[in-house]
Amino acid sequence: MDMKEQFFWLLKQRRSVRAFDRERKLDDSVLDAILEGCDLAPSSGGLQSFEIYMVENDEKKRRLVAAARDQGFVAEAPLLLVFCANPSRSIHKFGERSQLFSVQDATIAAAYAQLTVYALGLTTVWTGAFDEKRVSEILGLPEGHRPVAMLPIGYPSEAPKEKTTRGSQDLFHKIC
């Protein structure tokens, strides 16, 4: 399989899984690989205006479940990463636009993390339905760090559901 085929195979196979094997621990090299993948993500002006927080504390994870509309899988995964926008890293270059660019940077880094996780033989699920203010309070985030996505990460304990999409042609609109 050539590189293009491998890449599209990865995209087609990756699925969100919300059930994690609690008995199977993650090696430290897993976090290192995920962070390396995030570090390679493109960002506005190359300024990487995002932060990644790892949550290990079980009590904080339980509180995050409540802040995330009782999505229990947030606390079940052995690794939980919270991706935050940090516009202060780019405001000197982009001014007010850094608010948007930092959210985009955090989102792209989280997407790279998802692909890296799958390439490592693990699974995750994008978690975006949460109360930003409560998440910030629970984690004690510095002012200006805006939570954008949470990724619970681990080995799957269930088979993923069949992937459904709109189809690539339905995504495309030509403006003349």
N, C-alpha and C. Protein backbone atom coordinates (compact mmCIF):
# COMPACT_ATOMS: atom_id res chain seq x y z
N MET A 1 0.85 -1.18 0.00
CA MET A 1 0.00 0.00 0.00
C MET A 1 0.90 1.24 0.00
N ASP A 2 0.65 2.18 -0.91
CA ASP A 2 1.45 3.40 -0.94
C ASP A 2 0.94 4.38 0.12
N MET A 3 1.63 5.50 0.25
CA MET A 3 1.30 6.46 1.31
C MET A 3 -0.13 6.99 1.20
N LYS A 4 -0.56 7.30 -0.02
CA LYS A 4 -1.92 7.82 -0.21
C LYS A 4 -2.93 6.77 0.23
N GLU A 5 -2.74 5.53 -0.18
CA GLU A 5 -3.65 4.46 0.19
C GLU A 5 -3.66 4.25 1.71
N GLN A 6 -2.49 4.32 2.34
CA GLN A 6 -2.42 4.17 3.80
C GLN A 6 -3.17 5.30 4.50
N PHE A 7 -2.98 6.51 4.00
CA PHE A 7 -3.63 7.66 4.61
C PHE A 7 -5.16 7.54 4.52
N PHE A 8 -5.67 7.24 3.34
CA PHE A 8 -7.12 7.13 3.19
C PHE A 8 -7.67 5.91 3.92
N TRP A 9 -6.89 4.86 4.02
CA TRP A 9 -7.30 3.70 4.82
C TRP A 9 -7.49 4.13 6.28
N LEU A 10 -6.51 4.89 6.80
CA LEU A 10 -6.60 5.39 8.17
C LEU A 10 -7.86 6.23 8.36
N LEU A 11 -8.11 7.16 7.44
CA LEU A 11 -9.30 8.01 7.55
C LEU A 11 -10.59 7.19 7.51
N LYS A 12 -10.63 6.20 6.64
CA LYS A 12 -11.85 5.39 6.50
C LYS A 12 -12.07 4.45 7.68
N GLN A 13 -11.00 3.99 8.30
CA GLN A 13 -11.13 3.03 9.40
C GLN A 13 -11.39 3.70 10.75
N ARG A 14 -10.90 4.92 10.94
CA ARG A 14 -11.03 5.58 12.23
C ARG A 14 -12.50 5.79 12.59
N ARG A 15 -12.84 5.44 13.82
CA ARG A 15 -14.19 5.60 14.32
C ARG A 15 -14.13 6.14 15.74
N SER A 16 -15.19 6.79 16.14
CA SER A 16 -15.32 7.20 17.53
C SER A 16 -15.85 6.03 18.34
N VAL A 17 -15.22 5.78 19.46
CA VAL A 17 -15.64 4.72 20.38
C VAL A 17 -15.79 5.35 21.75
N ARG A 18 -16.89 5.01 22.43
CA ARG A 18 -17.20 5.62 23.72
C ARG A 18 -17.07 4.64 24.89
N ALA A 19 -16.48 3.50 24.64
CA ALA A 19 -16.29 2.50 25.71
C ALA A 19 -14.83 2.08 25.71
N PHE A 20 -14.21 2.17 26.87
CA PHE A 20 -12.77 1.94 26.98
C PHE A 20 -12.48 0.78 27.93
N ASP A 21 -11.43 0.05 27.60
CA ASP A 21 -10.95 -1.05 28.43
C ASP A 21 -10.21 -0.45 29.62
N ARG A 22 -10.84 -0.48 30.78
CA ARG A 22 -10.27 0.14 31.98
C ARG A 22 -9.07 -0.62 32.53
N GLU A 23 -8.95 -1.88 32.18
CA GLU A 23 -7.87 -2.72 32.70
C GLU A 23 -6.56 -2.51 31.94
N ARG A 24 -6.67 -2.07 30.71
CA ARG A 24 -5.50 -1.95 29.86
C ARG A 24 -4.90 -0.55 29.97
N LYS A 25 -3.75 -0.47 30.58
CA LYS A 25 -3.08 0.82 30.81
C LYS A 25 -2.30 1.24 29.57
N LEU A 26 -2.04 2.53 29.51
CA LEU A 26 -1.30 3.09 28.39
C LEU A 26 0.16 3.29 28.78
N ASP A 27 1.03 2.96 27.87
CA ASP A 27 2.46 3.18 28.04
C ASP A 27 2.74 4.68 27.93
N ASP A 28 3.77 5.16 28.63
CA ASP A 28 4.14 6.58 28.56
C ASP A 28 4.45 7.03 27.14
N SER A 29 4.91 6.12 26.32
CA SER A 29 5.25 6.48 24.94
C SER A 29 4.02 6.89 24.14
N VAL A 30 2.84 6.45 24.57
CA VAL A 30 1.59 6.82 23.89
C VAL A 30 1.38 8.33 23.97
N LEU A 31 1.48 8.87 25.17
CA LEU A 31 1.30 10.32 25.32
C LEU A 31 2.36 11.07 24.52
N ASP A 32 3.59 10.61 24.56
CA ASP A 32 4.66 11.26 23.79
C ASP A 32 4.34 11.29 22.31
N ALA A 33 3.83 10.17 21.77
CA ALA A 33 3.50 10.10 20.34
C ALA A 33 2.33 11.02 20.00
N ILE A 34 1.33 11.07 20.88
CA ILE A 34 0.18 11.95 20.64
C ILE A 34 0.63 13.40 20.63
N LEU A 35 1.46 13.77 21.60
CA LEU A 35 1.94 15.15 21.66
C LEU A 35 2.81 15.49 20.45
N GLU A 36 3.58 14.52 19.97
CA GLU A 36 4.38 14.74 18.77
C GLU A 36 3.46 14.99 17.57
N GLY A 37 2.37 14.22 17.47
CA GLY A 37 1.41 14.44 16.39
C GLY A 37 0.79 15.82 16.47
N CYS A 38 0.45 16.26 17.67
CA CYS A 38 -0.13 17.60 17.86
C CYS A 38 0.87 18.69 17.50
N ASP A 39 2.12 18.46 17.84
CA ASP A 39 3.17 19.43 17.55
C ASP A 39 3.36 19.62 16.05
N LEU A 40 3.00 18.61 15.27
CA LEU A 40 3.14 18.68 13.81
C LEU A 40 1.92 19.31 13.13
N ALA A 41 0.87 19.58 13.89
CA ALA A 41 -0.34 20.17 13.32
C ALA A 41 -0.06 21.59 12.83
N PRO A 42 -0.63 21.95 11.69
CA PRO A 42 -0.47 23.33 11.22
C PRO A 42 -1.19 24.29 12.17
N SER A 43 -0.67 25.51 12.26
CA SER A 43 -1.31 26.51 13.12
C SER A 43 -1.14 27.89 12.50
N SER A 44 -1.97 28.80 12.92
CA SER A 44 -1.93 30.16 12.40
C SER A 44 -0.59 30.81 12.68
N GLY A 45 0.09 31.18 11.63
CA GLY A 45 1.39 31.83 11.76
C GLY A 45 2.45 30.96 12.40
N GLY A 46 2.17 29.65 12.52
CA GLY A 46 3.10 28.74 13.17
C GLY A 46 3.25 29.01 14.67
N LEU A 47 2.28 29.72 15.25
CA LEU A 47 2.40 30.16 16.65
C LEU A 47 1.80 29.18 17.66
N GLN A 48 1.13 28.15 17.19
CA GLN A 48 0.56 27.12 18.06
C GLN A 48 -0.18 27.74 19.25
N SER A 49 -1.20 28.50 18.95
CA SER A 49 -1.94 29.21 20.00
C SER A 49 -2.98 28.31 20.67
N PHE A 50 -2.48 27.20 21.20
CA PHE A 50 -3.33 26.26 21.93
C PHE A 50 -2.51 25.64 23.05
N GLU A 51 -3.23 25.05 24.01
CA GLU A 51 -2.61 24.34 25.12
C GLU A 51 -3.32 23.00 25.25
N ILE A 52 -2.62 22.00 25.75
CA ILE A 52 -3.20 20.68 25.97
C ILE A 52 -3.01 20.33 27.45
N TYR A 53 -4.12 20.03 28.10
CA TYR A 53 -4.08 19.66 29.52
C TYR A 53 -4.42 18.18 29.65
N MET A 54 -3.61 17.47 30.43
CA MET A 54 -3.87 16.06 30.72
C MET A 54 -4.53 16.00 32.09
N VAL A 55 -5.66 15.28 32.16
CA VAL A 55 -6.38 15.14 33.42
C VAL A 55 -6.20 13.72 33.92
N GLU A 56 -5.57 13.57 35.07
CA GLU A 56 -5.35 12.25 35.67
C GLU A 56 -6.23 12.03 36.90
N ASN A 57 -6.59 13.09 37.56
CA ASN A 57 -7.33 13.02 38.81
C ASN A 57 -8.75 12.49 38.59
N ASP A 58 -9.08 11.37 39.24
CA ASP A 58 -10.39 10.74 39.04
C ASP A 58 -11.55 11.63 39.48
N GLU A 59 -11.36 12.37 40.55
CA GLU A 59 -12.42 13.27 41.02
C GLU A 59 -12.69 14.37 40.00
N LYS A 60 -11.63 14.93 39.44
CA LYS A 60 -11.81 15.96 38.39
C LYS A 60 -12.49 15.35 37.17
N LYS A 61 -12.12 14.12 36.82
CA LYS A 61 -12.77 13.46 35.68
C LYS A 61 -14.27 13.30 35.94
N ARG A 62 -14.63 12.90 37.15
CA ARG A 62 -16.06 12.74 37.48
C ARG A 62 -16.80 14.07 37.38
N ARG A 63 -16.15 15.11 37.84
CA ARG A 63 -16.76 16.44 37.75
C ARG A 63 -16.89 16.89 36.29
N LEU A 64 -15.91 16.50 35.47
CA LEU A 64 -15.98 16.84 34.04
C LEU A 64 -17.13 16.11 33.36
N VAL A 65 -17.43 14.89 33.81
CA VAL A 65 -18.59 14.17 33.27
C VAL A 65 -19.84 15.02 33.45
N ALA A 66 -20.03 15.56 34.64
CA ALA A 66 -21.20 16.40 34.91
C ALA A 66 -21.20 17.65 34.03
N ALA A 67 -20.02 18.23 33.81
CA ALA A 67 -19.91 19.42 32.98
C ALA A 67 -20.12 19.10 31.50
N ALA A 68 -19.98 17.82 31.15
CA ALA A 68 -20.11 17.38 29.75
C ALA A 68 -21.42 16.62 29.54
N ARG A 69 -22.48 17.14 30.12
CA ARG A 69 -23.82 16.57 29.92
C ARG A 69 -23.89 15.09 30.27
N ASP A 70 -23.21 14.72 31.34
CA ASP A 70 -23.23 13.36 31.87
C ASP A 70 -22.74 12.30 30.87
N GLN A 71 -21.78 12.67 30.06
CA GLN A 71 -21.17 11.71 29.14
C GLN A 71 -20.10 10.93 29.92
N GLY A 72 -20.50 9.78 30.47
CA GLY A 72 -19.67 9.01 31.38
C GLY A 72 -18.34 8.56 30.82
N PHE A 73 -18.27 8.39 29.52
CA PHE A 73 -17.02 7.91 28.91
C PHE A 73 -15.86 8.87 29.14
N VAL A 74 -16.16 10.13 29.44
CA VAL A 74 -15.11 11.12 29.70
C VAL A 74 -14.22 10.65 30.86
N ALA A 75 -14.83 10.01 31.85
CA ALA A 75 -14.07 9.56 33.03
C ALA A 75 -13.59 8.13 32.91
N GLU A 76 -14.08 7.39 31.94
CA GLU A 76 -13.73 5.96 31.82
C GLU A 76 -12.39 5.71 31.14
N ALA A 77 -11.98 6.62 30.29
CA ALA A 77 -10.74 6.42 29.54
C ALA A 77 -9.53 6.60 30.44
N PRO A 78 -8.47 5.83 30.21
CA PRO A 78 -7.27 5.99 31.04
C PRO A 78 -6.55 7.32 30.82
N LEU A 79 -6.76 7.95 29.67
CA LEU A 79 -6.12 9.23 29.37
C LEU A 79 -7.18 10.20 28.90
N LEU A 80 -7.17 11.39 29.49
CA LEU A 80 -8.09 12.45 29.07
C LEU A 80 -7.28 13.70 28.76
N LEU A 81 -7.40 14.16 27.52
CA LEU A 81 -6.73 15.39 27.11
C LEU A 81 -7.77 16.46 26.82
N VAL A 82 -7.51 17.66 27.31
CA VAL A 82 -8.39 18.80 27.06
C VAL A 82 -7.60 19.82 26.23
N PHE A 83 -8.12 20.13 25.07
CA PHE A 83 -7.49 21.06 24.15
C PHE A 83 -8.11 22.44 24.34
N CYS A 84 -7.25 23.42 24.56
CA CYS A 84 -7.72 24.78 24.83
C CYS A 84 -7.11 25.79 23.86
N ALA A 85 -7.92 26.74 23.48
CA ALA A 85 -7.44 27.87 22.70
C ALA A 85 -6.72 28.82 23.65
N ASN A 86 -5.61 29.38 23.19
CA ASN A 86 -4.87 30.37 23.98
C ASN A 86 -4.48 31.52 23.06
N PRO A 87 -5.41 32.47 22.88
CA PRO A 87 -5.15 33.57 21.94
C PRO A 87 -3.99 34.47 22.33
N SER A 88 -3.56 34.42 23.57
CA SER A 88 -2.44 35.28 23.98
C SER A 88 -1.15 34.92 23.24
N ARG A 89 -1.09 33.70 22.69
CA ARG A 89 0.11 33.29 21.96
C ARG A 89 0.21 33.94 20.58
N SER A 90 -0.91 34.50 20.09
CA SER A 90 -0.87 35.07 18.74
C SER A 90 -1.44 36.48 18.64
N ILE A 91 -1.90 37.02 19.75
CA ILE A 91 -2.53 38.35 19.69
C ILE A 91 -1.57 39.43 19.19
N HIS A 92 -0.27 39.28 19.47
CA HIS A 92 0.71 40.26 19.01
C HIS A 92 0.80 40.32 17.49
N LYS A 93 0.44 39.20 16.84
CA LYS A 93 0.53 39.15 15.38
C LYS A 93 -0.83 39.36 14.71
N PHE A 94 -1.90 38.84 15.33
CA PHE A 94 -3.20 38.83 14.66
C PHE A 94 -4.26 39.69 15.34
N GLY A 95 -3.94 40.31 16.46
CA GLY A 95 -4.92 41.16 17.14
C GLY A 95 -6.17 40.38 17.52
N GLU A 96 -7.32 40.99 17.33
CA GLU A 96 -8.60 40.38 17.71
C GLU A 96 -8.86 39.06 16.97
N ARG A 97 -8.33 38.95 15.79
CA ARG A 97 -8.51 37.73 14.98
C ARG A 97 -7.89 36.50 15.67
N SER A 98 -6.97 36.74 16.61
CA SER A 98 -6.34 35.62 17.32
C SER A 98 -7.36 34.82 18.13
N GLN A 99 -8.50 35.41 18.47
CA GLN A 99 -9.55 34.65 19.17
C GLN A 99 -10.01 33.48 18.30
N LEU A 100 -10.30 33.77 17.04
CA LEU A 100 -10.73 32.73 16.10
C LEU A 100 -9.58 31.79 15.77
N PHE A 101 -8.42 32.34 15.47
CA PHE A 101 -7.30 31.50 15.06
C PHE A 101 -6.89 30.52 16.15
N SER A 102 -6.96 30.92 17.41
CA SER A 102 -6.57 30.02 18.49
C SER A 102 -7.57 28.86 18.63
N VAL A 103 -8.84 29.11 18.38
CA VAL A 103 -9.83 28.02 18.39
C VAL A 103 -9.54 27.06 17.23
N GLN A 104 -9.22 27.62 16.08
CA GLN A 104 -8.88 26.78 14.93
C GLN A 104 -7.63 25.97 15.23
N ASP A 105 -6.61 26.58 15.81
CA ASP A 105 -5.38 25.87 16.14
C ASP A 105 -5.64 24.71 17.09
N ALA A 106 -6.43 24.95 18.13
CA ALA A 106 -6.75 23.89 19.10
C ALA A 106 -7.54 22.77 18.44
N THR A 107 -8.44 23.14 17.55
CA THR A 107 -9.26 22.15 16.84
C THR A 107 -8.41 21.28 15.93
N ILE A 108 -7.51 21.90 15.19
CA ILE A 108 -6.63 21.15 14.29
C ILE A 108 -5.73 20.21 15.09
N ALA A 109 -5.18 20.70 16.20
CA ALA A 109 -4.32 19.86 17.04
C ALA A 109 -5.10 18.67 17.58
N ALA A 110 -6.34 18.88 17.98
CA ALA A 110 -7.17 17.78 18.49
C ALA A 110 -7.46 16.77 17.38
N ALA A 111 -7.68 17.26 16.17
CA ALA A 111 -7.92 16.35 15.04
C ALA A 111 -6.66 15.53 14.74
N TYR A 112 -5.50 16.16 14.78
CA TYR A 112 -4.24 15.42 14.60
C TYR A 112 -4.08 14.39 15.71
N ALA A 113 -4.47 14.76 16.93
CA ALA A 113 -4.39 13.81 18.05
C ALA A 113 -5.28 12.60 17.78
N GLN A 114 -6.49 12.83 17.26
CA GLN A 114 -7.39 11.72 16.96
C GLN A 114 -6.76 10.75 15.96
N LEU A 115 -6.17 11.28 14.92
CA LEU A 115 -5.55 10.42 13.91
C LEU A 115 -4.34 9.69 14.48
N THR A 116 -3.56 10.37 15.29
CA THR A 116 -2.40 9.74 15.92
C THR A 116 -2.85 8.61 16.84
N VAL A 117 -3.89 8.87 17.61
CA VAL A 117 -4.44 7.85 18.53
C VAL A 117 -4.83 6.60 17.75
N TYR A 118 -5.52 6.79 16.64
CA TYR A 118 -5.95 5.63 15.85
C TYR A 118 -4.74 4.90 15.26
N ALA A 119 -3.76 5.67 14.78
CA ALA A 119 -2.55 5.05 14.20
C ALA A 119 -1.80 4.23 15.25
N LEU A 120 -1.96 4.57 16.52
CA LEU A 120 -1.31 3.83 17.61
C LEU A 120 -2.10 2.60 18.06
N GLY A 121 -3.27 2.37 17.43
CA GLY A 121 -4.08 1.22 17.79
C GLY A 121 -5.03 1.48 18.95
N LEU A 122 -5.23 2.74 19.27
CA LEU A 122 -6.13 3.14 20.35
C LEU A 122 -7.37 3.79 19.76
N THR A 123 -8.23 4.28 20.63
CA THR A 123 -9.42 4.95 20.15
C THR A 123 -9.70 6.17 21.01
N THR A 124 -10.54 7.02 20.48
CA THR A 124 -10.99 8.22 21.19
C THR A 124 -12.33 8.64 20.63
N VAL A 125 -12.92 9.61 21.28
CA VAL A 125 -14.14 10.21 20.77
C VAL A 125 -14.05 11.71 21.05
N TRP A 126 -14.35 12.50 20.04
CA TRP A 126 -14.34 13.95 20.18
C TRP A 126 -15.47 14.31 21.12
N THR A 127 -15.16 15.08 22.15
CA THR A 127 -16.17 15.52 23.10
C THR A 127 -16.18 17.04 23.11
N GLY A 128 -17.25 17.59 22.55
CA GLY A 128 -17.37 19.04 22.46
C GLY A 128 -18.59 19.58 23.16
N ALA A 129 -19.48 18.70 23.59
CA ALA A 129 -20.69 19.13 24.29
C ALA A 129 -20.37 19.24 25.78
N PHE A 130 -20.00 20.44 26.20
CA PHE A 130 -19.69 20.67 27.61
C PHE A 130 -19.85 22.14 27.92
N ASP A 131 -19.96 22.44 29.19
CA ASP A 131 -20.06 23.80 29.69
C ASP A 131 -18.63 24.34 29.85
N GLU A 132 -18.25 25.24 28.97
CA GLU A 132 -16.87 25.76 28.96
C GLU A 132 -16.48 26.36 30.31
N LYS A 133 -17.37 27.11 30.90
CA LYS A 133 -17.06 27.78 32.16
C LYS A 133 -16.81 26.74 33.26
N ARG A 134 -17.66 25.72 33.34
CA ARG A 134 -17.47 24.69 34.37
C ARG A 134 -16.18 23.91 34.14
N VAL A 135 -15.89 23.57 32.89
CA VAL A 135 -14.65 22.85 32.60
C VAL A 135 -13.45 23.70 33.03
N SER A 136 -13.48 24.98 32.71
CA SER A 136 -12.40 25.88 33.08
C SER A 136 -12.23 25.94 34.60
N GLU A 137 -13.34 26.00 35.32
CA GLU A 137 -13.29 26.05 36.79
C GLU A 137 -12.76 24.74 37.37
N ILE A 138 -13.25 23.62 36.88
CA ILE A 138 -12.82 22.31 37.38
C ILE A 138 -11.32 22.12 37.21
N LEU A 139 -10.81 22.53 36.06
CA LEU A 139 -9.40 22.34 35.77
C LEU A 139 -8.52 23.48 36.28
N GLY A 140 -9.15 24.55 36.74
CA GLY A 140 -8.38 25.70 37.20
C GLY A 140 -7.56 26.32 36.08
N LEU A 141 -8.17 26.42 34.91
CA LEU A 141 -7.44 26.95 33.75
C LEU A 141 -7.11 28.43 33.92
N PRO A 142 -5.96 28.83 33.42
CA PRO A 142 -5.61 30.25 33.46
C PRO A 142 -6.62 31.07 32.65
N GLU A 143 -6.76 32.32 33.02
CA GLU A 143 -7.67 33.20 32.30
C GLU A 143 -7.26 33.25 30.82
N GLY A 144 -8.24 33.18 29.96
CA GLY A 144 -7.97 33.24 28.52
C GLY A 144 -7.80 31.89 27.86
N HIS A 145 -7.61 30.82 28.63
CA HIS A 145 -7.52 29.48 28.04
C HIS A 145 -8.93 28.93 27.92
N ARG A 146 -9.39 28.78 26.68
CA ARG A 146 -10.77 28.37 26.40
C ARG A 146 -10.82 26.91 25.99
N PRO A 147 -11.50 26.05 26.76
CA PRO A 147 -11.61 24.64 26.36
C PRO A 147 -12.41 24.51 25.07
N VAL A 148 -11.85 23.74 24.13
CA VAL A 148 -12.46 23.57 22.82
C VAL A 148 -12.92 22.13 22.62
N ALA A 149 -12.11 21.17 23.07
CA ALA A 149 -12.45 19.75 22.89
C ALA A 149 -11.79 18.93 23.99
N MET A 150 -12.48 17.85 24.36
CA MET A 150 -11.91 16.87 25.27
C MET A 150 -11.80 15.56 24.50
N LEU A 151 -10.65 14.89 24.66
CA LEU A 151 -10.46 13.60 24.01
C LEU A 151 -10.15 12.54 25.07
N PRO A 152 -11.14 11.71 25.41
CA PRO A 152 -10.84 10.54 26.24
C PRO A 152 -10.17 9.51 25.33
N ILE A 153 -9.07 8.91 25.81
CA ILE A 153 -8.25 8.05 24.97
C ILE A 153 -7.96 6.74 25.69
N GLY A 154 -8.07 5.64 24.95
CA GLY A 154 -7.74 4.33 25.51
C GLY A 154 -7.93 3.23 24.49
N TYR A 155 -7.84 2.01 24.97
CA TYR A 155 -8.12 0.87 24.11
C TYR A 155 -9.62 0.64 24.10
N PRO A 156 -10.19 0.31 22.96
CA PRO A 156 -11.65 0.13 22.90
C PRO A 156 -12.09 -1.15 23.60
N SER A 157 -13.28 -1.08 24.20
CA SER A 157 -13.87 -2.29 24.79
C SER A 157 -15.14 -2.68 24.04
N GLU A 158 -15.39 -2.03 22.92
CA GLU A 158 -16.52 -2.38 22.06
C GLU A 158 -16.13 -2.11 20.61
N ALA A 159 -16.82 -2.77 19.72
CA ALA A 159 -16.58 -2.53 18.29
C ALA A 159 -17.22 -1.21 17.90
N PRO A 160 -16.57 -0.46 17.04
CA PRO A 160 -17.15 0.82 16.62
C PRO A 160 -18.39 0.61 15.76
N LYS A 161 -19.24 1.61 15.76
CA LYS A 161 -20.43 1.59 14.91
C LYS A 161 -20.01 1.84 13.46
N GLU A 162 -20.86 1.43 12.55
CA GLU A 162 -20.60 1.66 11.13
C GLU A 162 -20.58 3.16 10.87
N LYS A 163 -19.62 3.58 10.09
CA LYS A 163 -19.49 5.01 9.78
C LYS A 163 -20.46 5.40 8.68
N THR A 164 -21.15 6.49 8.90
CA THR A 164 -22.03 7.04 7.87
C THR A 164 -21.60 8.47 7.60
N THR A 165 -21.66 8.86 6.35
CA THR A 165 -21.30 10.23 5.97
C THR A 165 -22.31 10.75 4.97
N ARG A 166 -22.23 12.01 4.68
CA ARG A 166 -23.08 12.61 3.65
C ARG A 166 -22.61 12.22 2.26
N GLY A 167 -21.37 11.87 2.14
CA GLY A 167 -20.79 11.60 0.83
C GLY A 167 -20.03 12.82 0.36
N SER A 168 -18.89 12.60 -0.24
CA SER A 168 -18.02 13.72 -0.60
C SER A 168 -18.66 14.70 -1.57
N GLN A 169 -19.47 14.23 -2.48
CA GLN A 169 -20.09 15.14 -3.45
C GLN A 169 -21.12 16.05 -2.81
N ASP A 170 -21.77 15.60 -1.74
CA ASP A 170 -22.77 16.42 -1.07
C ASP A 170 -22.13 17.55 -0.28
N LEU A 171 -20.84 17.44 0.04
CA LEU A 171 -20.14 18.46 0.79
C LEU A 171 -19.77 19.66 -0.07
N PHE A 172 -19.74 19.47 -1.37
CA PHE A 172 -19.15 20.42 -2.30
C PHE A 172 -20.21 21.31 -2.93
N HIS A 173 -19.95 22.61 -2.94
CA HIS A 173 -20.83 23.59 -3.59
C HIS A 173 -19.98 24.53 -4.42
N LYS A 174 -20.29 24.61 -5.68
CA LYS A 174 -19.51 25.46 -6.59
C LYS A 174 -20.22 26.81 -6.72
N ILE A 175 -19.47 27.86 -6.53
CA ILE A 175 -20.03 29.22 -6.68
C ILE A 175 -19.40 29.83 -7.92
N CYS A 176 -20.25 30.23 -8.84
CA CYS A 176 -19.74 30.82 -10.09
C CYS A 176 -19.84 32.32 -10.07
